[in-house]
Amino acid sequence: MTVFLLLLSTAVAQPIRLHPDNPHYFQFRGKPAVLITSAEHYGAVLNGAFDYVKYLDTLARDGLNMTRIFTGVYREVPSDFGILRNTLAPEQDHYIGPYERTGLNQFDLAKWNAKYFERLRDFVTQAGKRGIVVEVTLFCTYYRDHIWQLSPYHEKNNINGIGRGVTNTDVLTMKHAALVHAQTELVRKIVAELRDFDNVYYEICNEPYVAGVSPEWQAHVAGTISGPHLIAQNIANNQQLITNPNPLVSLFNFHYARPPVTVDMNYRLNKAIGLDETGFDGTLDSIYRIQGWDFLLAGGAHYNNLDYSFAVGHEDGSFRVPGDQPGGGSATLRRQLKTLHEFMSRFDYIRMRPDATVVTGGVPEGASARVLAEPGRAYALYVHHGRVMADYRPRSIVRTSRQRATLTLQLPPGSYTANWWDPKAGRITQTETFSHSGSGKALASPEYTEDVALEVKAR
């Protein structure tokens, strides 16, 4: 009995996984889960000046349950991508990477930096206490040569002779054995350090489709991640039909997937689909609120807005993002994404599927509608007036005039309750109950601007 109790007390909790009854969604700590967040730009661990406890407190307070981190073998300089106060561009003295520095201010790729792994473990621990899942993005494509020159793998930055003659488009390939070995050992080390955490999953590489990352190398990294944790793969910007999925991958991530047609394109895979990064559409909250609601109501499992209001000294998300920034972020936006989380939580979405046949009329001209349905029992609808414009800055625009919609829904016979939601205000604005004999049912919305949601449930 003593041995049994000891084993029970030391058992590792089941890590976040695909839900066994509907693998388009997650199961976390025994409950169905979607991941919704508006998170900092991935430098929370590698930027030693960043107060991640205050940051995680803010996410938890704002009702968000996910964050994304880079591991420290990729970082940026403050001018990159026009991002002000970029957390992924730490000052040199505040950069914390996985390798030990030498007296020459180079790195020894044969020695681990104990302070980094202590910080990594504590970050994941603090996140777990707050119910926050951490996506650990192991590698990132080296977009430009000056970014590659910051990496410990660059020949000038390590004492091990690794990286000689390697260009930024060859780093994440199978071409250089010593480099691949160092990368493999890093993956094994991180996986070993985080093996007992239930709030972790791994992404192979950020935006591998940009600068020469090879499919063979990605498959190698996926195979190196042993253990029970989920593996995610970043597939494309916007959309792509996945034709040869790696069976080790459970979550397929897309960036800038607006509109969210990539969910329908790949729904047949019976895996989770994520919008793992968005931004570069201007600074308005409405743009990123709409993208989050639209993606989740299209059947997505995960939404992460790139939130520039998090910065060193503003870990509470209070930095006012200037209008010339490539993306936005604010406490207001995070509250609106919390409403999305609350809206989803009112449904047994494990039993629901996207259904384009429910709404047969009444969608306003120029608007889009998404529906998740458990036929005859529950329907979650979202209508918005946002549009992505080619060759337009910002790329997304939102119609702000006052609107009303009278939607025609194909519902089975029965008695129902309908609640209209204001996604901006985070509240129900109109409720009605009705009995329905079948076929089309017209439901008239209250007046709204930008977007509106509808919750219909059988009584």
Protein backbone atom coordinates (compact mmCIF):
# COMPACT_ATOMS: atom_id res chain seq x y z
CA MET A 1 0.00 0.00 0.00
CA THR A 2 2.85 2.41 0.85
CA VAL A 3 4.50 1.79 -2.53
CA PHE A 4 1.16 2.31 -4.31
CA LEU A 5 0.54 5.63 -2.54
CA LEU A 6 4.07 6.78 -3.36
CA LEU A 7 3.58 5.98 -7.03
CA LEU A 8 0.21 7.72 -7.01
CA SER A 9 1.64 10.86 -5.41
CA THR A 10 4.44 11.12 -7.94
CA ALA A 11 2.35 10.32 -11.04
CA VAL A 12 2.57 12.90 -13.81
CA ALA A 13 -0.70 14.54 -14.74
CA GLN A 14 -2.01 13.88 -18.24
CA PRO A 15 -0.61 16.68 -20.44
CA ILE A 16 -2.92 18.70 -22.63
CA ARG A 17 -4.04 16.45 -25.47
CA LEU A 18 -6.58 16.25 -28.26
CA HIS A 19 -10.01 15.53 -26.87
CA PRO A 20 -10.70 11.80 -27.26
CA ASP A 21 -14.32 12.42 -28.30
CA ASN A 22 -13.56 15.23 -30.77
CA PRO A 23 -9.92 15.72 -31.72
CA HIS A 24 -10.65 19.12 -33.27
CA TYR A 25 -10.47 20.40 -29.69
CA PHE A 26 -8.29 19.87 -26.62
CA GLN A 27 -8.67 18.22 -23.27
CA PHE A 28 -6.81 19.92 -20.43
CA ARG A 29 -6.96 18.79 -16.82
CA GLY A 30 -9.89 16.55 -17.59
CA LYS A 31 -12.05 19.18 -19.27
CA PRO A 32 -12.72 20.23 -22.88
CA ALA A 33 -10.59 23.22 -23.87
CA VAL A 34 -10.02 25.78 -26.55
CA LEU A 35 -6.93 27.98 -26.32
CA ILE A 36 -7.56 31.71 -26.64
CA THR A 37 -5.04 34.44 -25.93
CA SER A 38 -3.55 37.79 -26.79
CA ALA A 39 0.08 37.22 -25.87
CA GLU A 40 3.47 38.91 -25.81
CA HIS A 41 5.94 38.51 -28.68
CA TYR A 42 7.55 35.29 -27.46
CA GLY A 43 10.47 36.70 -25.44
CA ALA A 44 9.16 36.13 -21.91
CA VAL A 45 11.84 33.57 -21.02
CA LEU A 46 14.83 34.67 -23.10
CA ASN A 47 14.42 38.35 -22.11
CA GLY A 48 15.72 38.53 -18.55
CA ALA A 49 14.30 42.03 -18.03
CA PHE A 50 10.75 40.80 -18.60
CA ASP A 51 8.68 40.20 -15.44
CA TYR A 52 6.86 37.08 -16.52
CA VAL A 53 4.97 36.62 -13.25
CA LYS A 54 3.22 39.96 -13.72
CA TYR A 55 2.59 39.02 -17.35
CA LEU A 56 1.04 35.66 -16.46
CA ASP A 57 -1.03 37.32 -13.76
CA THR A 58 -2.39 39.65 -16.43
CA LEU A 59 -3.31 36.83 -18.81
CA ALA A 60 -5.08 34.98 -16.00
CA ARG A 61 -6.90 38.11 -14.85
CA ASP A 62 -8.04 38.74 -18.42
CA GLY A 63 -9.42 35.21 -18.74
CA LEU A 64 -6.87 33.93 -21.27
CA ASN A 65 -5.29 30.49 -21.12
CA MET A 66 -2.33 30.25 -23.48
CA THR A 67 1.04 31.82 -24.24
CA ARG A 68 3.82 31.12 -26.71
CA ILE A 69 7.58 31.28 -26.10
CA PHE A 70 10.73 30.99 -28.18
CA THR A 71 13.62 29.03 -26.70
CA GLY A 72 16.46 31.52 -27.09
CA VAL A 73 18.35 30.28 -30.16
CA TYR A 74 16.49 32.92 -32.17
CA ARG A 75 16.12 36.58 -31.23
CA GLU A 76 15.77 39.94 -32.93
CA VAL A 77 17.11 43.47 -32.75
CA PRO A 78 14.85 46.38 -31.74
CA SER A 79 14.39 47.65 -35.31
CA ASP A 80 13.16 44.34 -36.74
CA PHE A 81 9.70 44.33 -38.32
CA GLY A 82 8.95 47.82 -37.03
CA ILE A 83 7.93 46.51 -33.59
CA LEU A 84 8.38 49.02 -30.77
CA ARG A 85 9.51 47.66 -27.40
CA ASN A 86 9.82 44.18 -28.88
CA THR A 87 10.18 41.59 -26.10
CA LEU A 88 11.95 39.27 -28.55
CA ALA A 89 14.74 41.85 -28.92
CA PRO A 90 16.30 42.00 -25.44
CA GLU A 91 19.21 44.25 -24.60
CA GLN A 92 22.44 42.27 -24.81
CA ASP A 93 22.93 42.18 -21.03
CA HIS A 94 19.40 40.80 -20.56
CA TYR A 95 19.54 38.01 -23.13
CA ILE A 96 19.29 34.58 -21.48
CA GLY A 97 19.92 31.60 -23.74
CA PRO A 98 20.19 27.85 -23.19
CA TYR A 99 23.98 27.73 -23.56
CA GLU A 100 26.66 28.84 -21.14
CA ARG A 101 28.67 31.93 -22.06
CA THR A 102 32.46 31.84 -22.11
CA GLY A 103 34.81 34.63 -21.10
CA LEU A 104 34.97 35.70 -24.74
CA ASN A 105 31.23 36.43 -24.70
CA GLN A 106 30.70 33.43 -26.91
CA PHE A 107 28.71 30.30 -26.14
CA ASP A 108 29.84 26.79 -25.37
CA LEU A 109 27.30 24.56 -27.09
CA ALA A 110 28.49 21.63 -24.98
CA LYS A 111 27.43 23.32 -21.71
CA TRP A 112 23.91 24.21 -20.61
CA ASN A 113 23.05 27.51 -18.94
CA ALA A 114 21.51 26.48 -15.62
CA LYS A 115 19.93 29.91 -15.10
CA TYR A 116 18.06 29.64 -18.39
CA PHE A 117 16.55 26.26 -17.58
CA GLU A 118 15.66 27.42 -14.07
CA ARG A 119 13.84 30.38 -15.63
CA LEU A 120 12.16 28.14 -18.22
CA ARG A 121 10.89 25.68 -15.60
CA ASP A 122 9.66 28.45 -13.33
CA PHE A 123 7.85 30.15 -16.22
CA VAL A 124 6.00 26.94 -17.04
CA THR A 125 5.33 26.33 -13.34
CA GLN A 126 3.86 29.81 -12.85
CA ALA A 127 1.79 29.43 -16.02
CA GLY A 128 0.46 26.08 -14.83
CA LYS A 129 -0.63 27.53 -11.49
CA ARG A 130 -2.78 29.99 -13.45
CA GLY A 131 -4.24 27.42 -15.83
CA ILE A 132 -2.20 28.74 -18.77
CA VAL A 133 -0.88 26.41 -21.47
CA VAL A 134 2.60 27.15 -22.86
CA GLU A 135 3.44 26.56 -26.50
CA VAL A 136 7.19 26.03 -26.62
CA THR A 137 8.32 26.93 -30.12
CA LEU A 138 11.65 25.18 -30.39
CA PHE A 139 13.09 26.96 -33.44
CA CYS A 140 12.35 29.87 -35.73
CA THR A 141 13.38 30.48 -39.31
CA TYR A 142 16.20 33.01 -39.62
CA TYR A 143 14.54 35.58 -41.87
CA ARG A 144 17.58 37.75 -42.49
CA ASP A 145 21.33 37.38 -42.22
CA HIS A 146 21.66 39.88 -39.36
CA ILE A 147 19.19 37.81 -37.31
CA TRP A 148 21.14 34.64 -38.06
CA GLN A 149 24.30 36.39 -36.83
CA LEU A 150 22.73 36.75 -33.36
CA SER A 151 22.26 33.01 -32.92
CA PRO A 152 24.51 30.86 -30.74
CA TYR A 153 24.71 28.54 -33.75
CA HIS A 154 26.46 31.16 -35.88
CA GLU A 155 30.16 30.44 -36.21
CA LYS A 156 31.23 33.73 -34.60
CA ASN A 157 29.14 33.11 -31.50
CA ASN A 158 30.34 29.72 -30.27
CA ILE A 159 33.67 28.13 -29.37
CA ASN A 160 32.74 24.74 -30.80
CA GLY A 161 33.41 25.39 -34.47
CA ILE A 162 29.75 24.90 -35.30
CA GLY A 163 28.02 26.90 -38.01
CA ARG A 164 31.03 27.53 -40.24
CA GLY A 165 29.94 28.57 -43.70
CA VAL A 166 26.26 28.12 -42.87
CA THR A 167 23.88 30.69 -44.32
CA ASN A 168 20.60 31.79 -42.76
CA THR A 169 18.67 29.57 -45.19
CA ASP A 170 20.71 26.46 -44.33
CA VAL A 171 20.51 26.53 -40.52
CA LEU A 172 17.37 24.45 -40.17
CA THR A 173 18.17 21.68 -42.62
CA MET A 174 19.94 18.31 -42.50
CA LYS A 175 22.97 19.63 -44.41
CA HIS A 176 25.36 20.19 -41.47
CA ALA A 177 25.78 17.22 -39.14
CA ALA A 178 27.37 19.06 -36.20
CA LEU A 179 24.67 21.71 -36.29
CA VAL A 180 21.89 19.12 -36.45
CA HIS A 181 23.48 17.31 -33.50
CA ALA A 182 23.50 20.50 -31.40
CA GLN A 183 19.87 21.21 -32.29
CA THR A 184 18.87 17.64 -31.49
CA GLU A 185 20.54 17.79 -28.09
CA LEU A 186 18.75 21.07 -27.33
CA VAL A 187 15.38 19.50 -28.12
CA ARG A 188 16.16 16.51 -25.91
CA LYS A 189 17.28 18.79 -23.08
CA ILE A 190 14.16 20.97 -23.19
CA VAL A 191 11.86 17.95 -23.41
CA ALA A 192 13.63 16.37 -20.44
CA GLU A 193 13.40 19.57 -18.38
CA LEU A 194 9.66 19.91 -19.05
CA ARG A 195 8.67 16.24 -19.07
CA ASP A 196 6.56 16.45 -15.89
CA PHE A 197 4.45 19.47 -16.86
CA ASP A 198 0.87 19.04 -18.04
CA ASN A 199 0.53 22.55 -19.52
CA VAL A 200 3.12 22.26 -22.32
CA TYR A 201 3.13 21.35 -25.97
CA TYR A 202 5.85 21.79 -28.57
CA GLU A 203 5.88 23.53 -31.92
CA ILE A 204 8.65 22.42 -34.25
CA CYS A 205 9.48 25.74 -35.91
CA ASN A 206 8.00 29.17 -36.40
CA GLU A 207 7.26 30.04 -40.04
CA PRO A 208 9.43 27.34 -41.64
CA TYR A 209 7.97 28.19 -45.04
CA VAL A 210 9.80 31.55 -45.19
CA ALA A 211 13.55 30.88 -45.38
CA GLY A 212 14.65 27.44 -46.42
CA VAL A 213 13.62 25.18 -43.53
CA SER A 214 13.54 21.65 -44.90
CA PRO A 215 10.69 19.15 -44.41
CA GLU A 216 13.22 16.44 -43.54
CA TRP A 217 14.63 18.56 -40.72
CA GLN A 218 11.14 19.26 -39.36
CA ALA A 219 10.38 15.53 -39.40
CA HIS A 220 13.65 14.91 -37.56
CA VAL A 221 12.75 17.39 -34.82
CA ALA A 222 9.27 15.92 -34.47
CA GLY A 223 10.79 12.47 -34.07
CA THR A 224 13.17 13.78 -31.42
CA ILE A 225 10.29 15.03 -29.26
CA SER A 226 9.58 11.86 -27.37
CA GLY A 227 6.99 11.52 -24.65
CA PRO A 228 3.34 12.36 -24.11
CA HIS A 229 3.27 16.02 -25.12
CA LEU A 230 1.48 17.27 -28.22
CA ILE A 231 3.47 18.36 -31.25
CA ALA A 232 2.40 21.32 -33.39
CA GLN A 233 3.56 22.21 -36.87
CA ASN A 234 3.33 25.68 -38.40
CA ILE A 235 1.99 25.07 -41.91
CA ALA A 236 1.54 28.38 -43.74
CA ASN A 237 0.51 31.98 -43.68
CA ASN A 238 -3.19 32.38 -44.50
CA GLN A 239 -4.19 28.95 -45.84
CA GLN A 240 -2.94 25.69 -47.28
CA LEU A 241 -4.35 22.26 -47.99
CA ILE A 242 -2.36 19.73 -45.96
CA THR A 243 -1.79 16.69 -48.17
CA ASN A 244 0.84 14.64 -46.36
CA PRO A 245 0.50 15.25 -42.61
CA ASN A 246 3.15 13.98 -40.23
CA PRO A 247 1.35 11.42 -38.02
CA LEU A 248 3.30 12.70 -35.00
CA VAL A 249 1.67 16.14 -35.35
CA SER A 250 -1.58 16.84 -33.50
CA LEU A 251 -1.99 20.59 -33.99
CA PHE A 252 -1.60 22.36 -37.33
CA ASN A 253 -0.87 26.05 -36.87
CA PHE A 254 -1.48 28.83 -39.36
CA HIS A 255 -0.56 32.50 -39.25
CA TYR A 256 -2.70 35.39 -40.52
CA ALA A 257 -5.50 32.97 -41.43
CA ARG A 258 -8.18 35.50 -42.25
CA PRO A 259 -10.75 34.60 -43.38
CA PRO A 260 -10.44 31.18 -41.70
CA VAL A 261 -11.05 29.01 -44.76
CA THR A 262 -8.04 26.85 -43.87
CA VAL A 263 -10.10 25.25 -41.06
CA ASP A 264 -12.63 23.84 -43.51
CA MET A 265 -9.88 22.86 -45.96
CA ASN A 266 -8.20 20.66 -43.35
CA TYR A 267 -11.08 19.62 -41.10
CA ARG A 268 -10.99 16.09 -42.54
CA LEU A 269 -7.65 15.48 -40.75
CA ASN A 270 -9.48 15.25 -37.40
CA LYS A 271 -6.78 17.27 -35.69
CA ALA A 272 -6.77 20.66 -34.01
CA ILE A 273 -6.30 23.71 -36.25
CA GLY A 274 -4.81 26.88 -34.75
CA LEU A 275 -4.46 30.51 -35.71
CA ASP A 276 -1.17 30.81 -33.86
CA GLU A 277 -0.18 34.35 -34.81
CA THR A 278 -2.03 37.35 -36.13
CA GLY A 279 -1.22 41.02 -36.46
CA PHE A 280 0.16 43.25 -39.22
CA ASP A 281 -3.40 44.46 -39.87
CA GLY A 282 -3.20 47.74 -38.01
CA THR A 283 -3.84 48.49 -34.34
CA LEU A 284 -7.64 48.44 -33.96
CA ASP A 285 -9.05 46.04 -31.37
CA SER A 286 -12.00 45.24 -33.64
CA ILE A 287 -9.75 43.61 -36.26
CA TYR A 288 -8.28 41.07 -33.86
CA ARG A 289 -11.49 40.48 -31.94
CA ILE A 290 -13.20 39.60 -35.21
CA GLN A 291 -10.35 37.33 -36.31
CA GLY A 292 -10.52 35.41 -33.03
CA TRP A 293 -14.29 34.97 -33.01
CA ASP A 294 -14.36 34.12 -36.72
CA PHE A 295 -11.66 31.45 -36.40
CA LEU A 296 -13.15 29.71 -33.36
CA LEU A 297 -16.68 29.74 -34.79
CA ALA A 298 -15.29 28.26 -38.02
CA GLY A 299 -14.18 25.21 -36.01
CA GLY A 300 -10.69 26.26 -34.96
CA ALA A 301 -9.26 25.20 -31.60
CA HIS A 302 -6.73 27.91 -30.85
CA TYR A 303 -6.28 31.66 -31.35
CA ASN A 304 -3.24 33.77 -30.46
CA ASN A 305 -3.16 37.48 -31.18
CA LEU A 306 0.26 39.14 -31.20
CA ASP A 307 -0.15 41.69 -28.40
CA TYR A 308 2.32 44.57 -28.46
CA SER A 309 0.91 46.16 -25.30
CA PHE A 310 3.16 43.76 -23.36
CA ALA A 311 6.66 45.17 -23.02
CA VAL A 312 9.44 45.39 -20.45
CA GLY A 313 8.06 47.68 -17.76
CA HIS A 314 4.54 47.06 -19.04
CA GLU A 315 4.11 43.38 -18.28
CA ASP A 316 0.54 44.18 -17.26
CA GLY A 317 -0.25 44.92 -20.91
CA SER A 318 -0.51 48.67 -20.34
CA PHE A 319 1.84 49.91 -23.07
CA ARG A 320 -0.13 52.14 -25.43
CA VAL A 321 0.59 50.81 -28.90
CA PRO A 322 1.29 53.69 -31.33
CA GLY A 323 -0.85 53.87 -34.44
CA ASP A 324 2.08 53.16 -36.77
CA GLN A 325 2.75 49.71 -35.31
CA PRO A 326 2.16 46.57 -37.40
CA GLY A 327 -0.24 45.15 -34.83
CA GLY A 328 -2.21 46.04 -31.74
CA GLY A 329 -3.16 44.77 -28.33
CA SER A 330 -4.89 46.20 -25.28
CA ALA A 331 -6.76 45.36 -22.11
CA THR A 332 -9.99 46.05 -24.00
CA LEU A 333 -9.16 43.49 -26.67
CA ARG A 334 -8.24 40.91 -24.06
CA ARG A 335 -11.59 41.42 -22.31
CA GLN A 336 -13.33 40.86 -25.63
CA LEU A 337 -11.40 37.63 -26.17
CA LYS A 338 -12.39 36.60 -22.65
CA THR A 339 -16.00 37.00 -23.79
CA LEU A 340 -15.24 34.64 -26.68
CA HIS A 341 -13.96 32.12 -24.17
CA GLU A 342 -17.08 32.55 -22.02
CA PHE A 343 -19.33 32.22 -25.06
CA MET A 344 -17.66 28.96 -26.13
CA SER A 345 -17.85 27.63 -22.57
CA ARG A 346 -21.64 27.86 -22.64
CA PHE A 347 -21.71 25.09 -25.26
CA ASP A 348 -20.81 21.43 -25.24
CA TYR A 349 -18.66 22.19 -28.27
CA ILE A 350 -17.14 18.71 -28.25
CA ARG A 351 -20.47 17.64 -29.80
CA MET A 352 -20.55 20.48 -32.32
CA ARG A 353 -19.28 20.83 -35.89
CA PRO A 354 -19.09 23.68 -38.40
CA ASP A 355 -22.31 23.73 -40.41
CA ALA A 356 -22.77 26.00 -43.41
CA THR A 357 -26.34 24.80 -43.98
CA VAL A 358 -27.91 26.32 -40.88
CA VAL A 359 -28.12 29.95 -42.05
CA THR A 360 -30.10 30.11 -45.29
CA GLY A 361 -30.79 33.83 -45.47
CA GLY A 362 -30.58 37.24 -43.90
CA VAL A 363 -26.82 37.71 -43.67
CA PRO A 364 -26.26 41.44 -44.36
CA GLU A 365 -24.55 42.38 -47.60
CA GLY A 366 -20.79 42.32 -47.18
CA ALA A 367 -20.94 40.37 -43.89
CA SER A 368 -19.71 36.87 -43.05
CA ALA A 369 -21.42 34.25 -40.92
CA ARG A 370 -20.03 31.18 -39.12
CA VAL A 371 -21.97 28.44 -37.35
CA LEU A 372 -21.07 25.62 -35.00
CA ALA A 373 -23.95 23.21 -34.55
CA GLU A 374 -25.15 20.22 -32.61
CA PRO A 375 -28.29 19.75 -34.72
CA GLY A 376 -31.51 20.07 -32.81
CA ARG A 377 -29.73 20.93 -29.56
CA ALA A 378 -27.33 23.88 -29.81
CA TYR A 379 -26.14 26.45 -32.35
CA ALA A 380 -23.38 29.05 -31.99
CA LEU A 381 -23.45 31.77 -34.70
CA TYR A 382 -21.22 34.72 -35.42
CA VAL A 383 -21.78 37.52 -37.94
CA HIS A 384 -19.17 40.20 -38.62
CA HIS A 385 -18.48 43.08 -40.99
CA GLY A 386 -14.71 42.82 -41.35
CA ARG A 387 -12.87 42.44 -44.63
CA VAL A 388 -9.30 41.74 -45.69
CA MET A 389 -8.27 44.04 -48.54
CA ALA A 390 -5.45 43.21 -50.94
CA ASP A 391 -2.82 45.96 -51.30
CA TYR A 392 -4.49 47.99 -48.57
CA ARG A 393 -2.99 49.33 -45.34
CA PRO A 394 -4.13 48.32 -42.86
CA ARG A 395 -5.04 45.11 -44.65
CA SER A 396 -8.21 44.55 -42.62
CA ILE A 397 -11.09 47.01 -42.45
CA VAL A 398 -14.25 46.81 -40.35
CA ARG A 399 -17.59 48.35 -41.23
CA THR A 400 -18.66 50.40 -38.20
CA SER A 401 -22.14 51.61 -39.21
CA ARG A 402 -25.18 50.46 -37.23
CA GLN A 403 -26.64 47.18 -38.42
CA ARG A 404 -29.54 44.82 -37.91
CA ALA A 405 -29.78 41.27 -39.20
CA THR A 406 -32.75 38.95 -39.56
CA LEU A 407 -31.22 35.52 -39.98
CA THR A 408 -33.17 32.59 -41.36
CA LEU A 409 -32.11 29.39 -39.62
CA GLN A 410 -32.93 25.83 -40.60
CA LEU A 411 -33.93 24.28 -37.26
CA PRO A 412 -35.67 20.99 -36.45
CA PRO A 413 -39.04 21.20 -34.70
CA GLY A 414 -38.77 22.05 -31.02
CA SER A 415 -38.66 24.74 -28.35
CA TYR A 416 -35.63 26.99 -28.21
CA THR A 417 -34.05 29.90 -26.37
CA ALA A 418 -32.08 32.46 -28.40
CA ASN A 419 -29.58 34.87 -26.83
CA TRP A 420 -27.99 37.65 -28.87
CA TRP A 421 -24.50 38.65 -27.69
CA ASP A 422 -22.53 41.86 -28.09
CA PRO A 423 -18.91 40.64 -28.46
CA LYS A 424 -17.54 44.11 -27.69
CA ALA A 425 -19.52 44.73 -24.52
CA GLY A 426 -19.33 41.10 -23.42
CA ARG A 427 -22.99 40.64 -22.59
CA ILE A 428 -26.32 39.29 -23.78
CA THR A 429 -28.38 42.11 -25.29
CA GLN A 430 -31.58 40.31 -26.28
CA THR A 431 -33.30 37.04 -25.37
CA GLU A 432 -36.31 35.28 -26.80
CA THR A 433 -37.90 31.86 -26.47
CA PHE A 434 -39.91 30.24 -29.22
CA SER A 435 -41.50 27.05 -30.42
CA HIS A 436 -40.70 25.98 -33.94
CA SER A 437 -42.52 23.58 -36.25
CA GLY A 438 -39.59 23.03 -38.57
CA SER A 439 -37.93 24.48 -41.71
CA GLY A 440 -36.86 28.14 -41.71
CA LYS A 441 -37.02 30.29 -38.58
CA ALA A 442 -36.37 34.05 -38.78
CA LEU A 443 -34.54 35.59 -35.82
CA ALA A 444 -34.10 39.37 -35.71
CA SER A 445 -31.00 40.77 -34.04
CA PRO A 446 -30.86 43.88 -31.90
CA GLU A 447 -29.01 46.84 -33.38
CA TYR A 448 -25.24 46.31 -33.39
CA THR A 449 -22.01 47.58 -34.91
CA GLU A 450 -19.12 45.54 -36.32
CA ASP A 451 -20.25 42.09 -35.13
CA VAL A 452 -22.89 40.11 -33.27
CA ALA A 453 -23.16 36.56 -31.91
CA LEU A 454 -26.16 34.32 -31.40
CA GLU A 455 -26.62 31.42 -29.00
CA VAL A 456 -29.56 29.09 -29.75
CA LYS A 457 -30.31 26.13 -27.49
CA ALA A 458 -33.14 23.63 -27.27
CA ARG A 459 -35.24 23.96 -24.14
